C-alpha atoms as a PDB file:
ATOM      1  CA  MET A   1     -25.231  34.145 -15.244  1.00  0.00           C
ATOM      2  CA  ARG A   2     -24.584  30.435 -15.693  1.00  0.00           C
ATOM      3  CA  ARG A   3     -21.418  29.139 -17.219  1.00  0.00           C
ATOM      4  CA  PRO A   4     -21.816  26.557 -20.000  1.00  0.00           C
ATOM      5  CA  ILE A   5     -20.878  22.941 -19.309  1.00  0.00           C
ATOM      6  CA  PRO A   6     -17.535  22.187 -20.996  1.00  0.00           C
ATOM      7  CA  LEU A   7     -17.677  19.841 -23.971  1.00  0.00           C
ATOM      8  CA  PRO A   8     -15.957  16.427 -23.792  1.00  0.00           C
ATOM      9  CA  THR A   9     -13.521  17.690 -26.424  1.00  0.00           C
ATOM     10  CA  LEU A  10     -12.035  20.143 -23.911  1.00  0.00           C
ATOM     11  CA  LYS A  11      -8.347  19.320 -23.505  1.00  0.00           C
ATOM     12  CA  SER A  12      -6.831  20.982 -20.451  1.00  0.00           C
ATOM     13  CA  LEU A  13      -4.533  19.849 -17.649  1.00  0.00           C
ATOM     14  CA  PHE A  14      -7.036  17.336 -16.344  1.00  0.00           C
ATOM     15  CA  GLY A  15     -10.227  15.718 -17.472  1.00  0.00           C
ATOM     16  CA  ILE A  16     -13.453  16.972 -15.979  1.00  0.00           C
ATOM     17  CA  ILE A  17     -15.607  14.232 -14.469  1.00  0.00           C
ATOM     18  CA  PHE A  18     -19.158  15.482 -14.038  1.00  0.00           C
ATOM     19  CA  ASP A  19     -20.546  12.503 -12.100  1.00  0.00           C
ATOM     20  CA  THR A  20     -17.846  12.451  -9.418  1.00  0.00           C
ATOM     21  CA  LEU A  21     -18.214  14.070  -6.015  1.00  0.00           C
ATOM     22  CA  TYR A  22     -15.011  15.578  -4.678  1.00  0.00           C
ATOM     23  CA  SER A  23     -14.586  16.841  -1.142  1.00  0.00           C
ATOM     24  CA  LEU A  24     -11.726  17.948   1.061  1.00  0.00           C
ATOM     25  CA  ALA A  25     -11.274  18.064   4.838  1.00  0.00           C
ATOM     26  CA  PHE A  26      -8.459  19.150   7.100  1.00  0.00           C
ATOM     27  CA  LEU A  27      -8.314  17.255  10.393  1.00  0.00           C
ATOM     28  CA  ASP A  28      -6.970  19.047  13.470  1.00  0.00           C
ATOM     29  CA  MET A  29      -5.477  16.296  15.601  1.00  0.00           C
ATOM     30  CA  THR A  30      -3.538  18.508  17.995  1.00  0.00           C
ATOM     31  CA  LYS A  31      -5.761  17.464  20.917  1.00  0.00           C
ATOM     32  CA  GLU A  32      -7.110  14.029  19.968  1.00  0.00           C
ATOM     33  CA  ALA A  33      -7.504  11.409  17.268  1.00  0.00           C
ATOM     34  CA  MET A  34     -10.493  11.530  14.935  1.00  0.00           C
ATOM     35  CA  VAL A  35     -12.904   8.990  13.513  1.00  0.00           C
ATOM     36  CA  VAL A  36     -13.657   9.278   9.796  1.00  0.00           C
ATOM     37  CA  SER A  37     -16.690   7.326   8.573  1.00  0.00           C
ATOM     38  CA  SER A  38     -17.604   6.159   5.111  1.00  0.00           C
ATOM     39  CA  PRO A  39     -21.140   5.005   4.256  1.00  0.00           C
ATOM     40  CA  ASP A  40     -22.105   1.773   2.538  1.00  0.00           C
ATOM     41  CA  THR A  41     -21.789   2.512  -1.178  1.00  0.00           C
ATOM     42  CA  ASN A  42     -23.691  -0.641  -2.209  1.00  0.00           C
ATOM     43  CA  GLY A  43     -20.851  -1.857  -4.394  1.00  0.00           C
ATOM     44  CA  ARG A  44     -20.177   1.486  -6.085  1.00  0.00           C
ATOM     45  CA  TYR A  45     -16.584   2.589  -6.531  1.00  0.00           C
ATOM     46  CA  PHE A  46     -15.236   5.051  -3.975  1.00  0.00           C
ATOM     47  CA  LEU A  47     -11.842   6.186  -2.796  1.00  0.00           C
ATOM     48  CA  LEU A  48     -11.016   7.993   0.444  1.00  0.00           C
ATOM     49  CA  PRO A  49      -7.315   8.849   0.173  1.00  0.00           C
ATOM     50  CA  MET A  50      -5.746  10.262   3.336  1.00  0.00           C
ATOM     51  CA  LEU A  51      -2.781  12.574   2.867  1.00  0.00           C
ATOM     52  CA  ASP A  52      -0.399  14.191   5.325  1.00  0.00           C
ATOM     53  CA  MET A  53       0.622  17.848   5.180  1.00  0.00           C
ATOM     54  CA  TRP A  54       3.270  17.001   2.548  1.00  0.00           C
ATOM     55  CA  THR A  55       0.570  15.348   0.387  1.00  0.00           C
ATOM     56  CA  ASP A  56       2.022  11.876   0.939  1.00  0.00           C
ATOM     57  CA  VAL A  57      -0.745   9.263   0.963  1.00  0.00           C
ATOM     58  CA  PHE A  58      -0.661   7.336   4.252  1.00  0.00           C
ATOM     59  CA  ALA A  59      -3.913   5.399   3.756  1.00  0.00           C
ATOM     60  CA  ALA A  60      -6.271   4.789   0.855  1.00  0.00           C
ATOM     61  CA  PRO A  61      -9.469   3.082   1.999  1.00  0.00           C
ATOM     62  CA  GLY A  62     -11.853   2.375  -0.817  1.00  0.00           C
ATOM     63  CA  TRP A  63     -13.509  -0.095  -3.127  1.00  0.00           C
ATOM     64  CA  ARG A  64     -10.331  -2.066  -3.915  1.00  0.00           C
ATOM     65  CA  THR A  65      -8.710  -2.003  -0.469  1.00  0.00           C
ATOM     66  CA  THR A  66     -11.469  -2.202   2.165  1.00  0.00           C
ATOM     67  CA  GLY A  67     -14.658  -2.983   0.283  1.00  0.00           C
ATOM     68  CA  THR A  68     -17.820  -0.912   0.043  1.00  0.00           C
ATOM     69  CA  GLN A  69     -19.521  -1.573   3.399  1.00  0.00           C
ATOM     70  CA  ALA A  70     -19.943   1.244   5.950  1.00  0.00           C
ATOM     71  CA  THR A  71     -16.731   1.587   7.928  1.00  0.00           C
ATOM     72  CA  ASN A  72     -15.141   3.814  10.579  1.00  0.00           C
ATOM     73  CA  TYR A  73     -11.442   4.719  10.397  1.00  0.00           C
ATOM     74  CA  LEU A  74      -9.431   5.964  13.366  1.00  0.00           C
ATOM     75  CA  VAL A  75      -6.967   8.644  12.221  1.00  0.00           C
ATOM     76  CA  THR A  76      -4.229   9.417  14.737  1.00  0.00           C
ATOM     77  CA  PRO A  77      -1.148  11.621  14.817  1.00  0.00           C
ATOM     78  CA  PRO A  78       2.207   9.835  15.072  1.00  0.00           C
ATOM     79  CA  GLY A  79       2.857   8.441  18.553  1.00  0.00           C
ATOM     80  CA  TRP A  80      -0.717   9.039  19.694  1.00  0.00           C
ATOM     81  CA  VAL A  81      -1.779   7.414  22.961  1.00  0.00           C
ATOM     82  CA  GLY A  82      -5.260   7.999  24.263  1.00  0.00           C
ATOM     83  CA  THR A  83      -8.895   7.027  24.308  1.00  0.00           C
ATOM     84  CA  VAL A  84     -10.627   6.281  21.042  1.00  0.00           C
ATOM     85  CA  PRO A  85     -13.274   8.970  20.435  1.00  0.00           C
ATOM     86  CA  PRO A  86     -16.893   7.920  19.863  1.00  0.00           C
ATOM     87  CA  GLY A  87     -17.845   6.956  16.354  1.00  0.00           C
END
């Protein structure tokens, strides 16, 4: 059974945005740093906030801060020393 799409008049804790893709990833950096890649969005708005385990934002690559070209980001734990992984 399908649920109906909420009407724009729905007033709850947050607004529902139907044309926005949300995703979530947890990065295990206990052994090494990780490379996170974002594709070229051809000028479209995007935001890739990076949060620590206390939900503090430590980086916010996106349309306003880094542009919309394809980019790779090296995410490291504090004090990391090592070889940059491929990517």
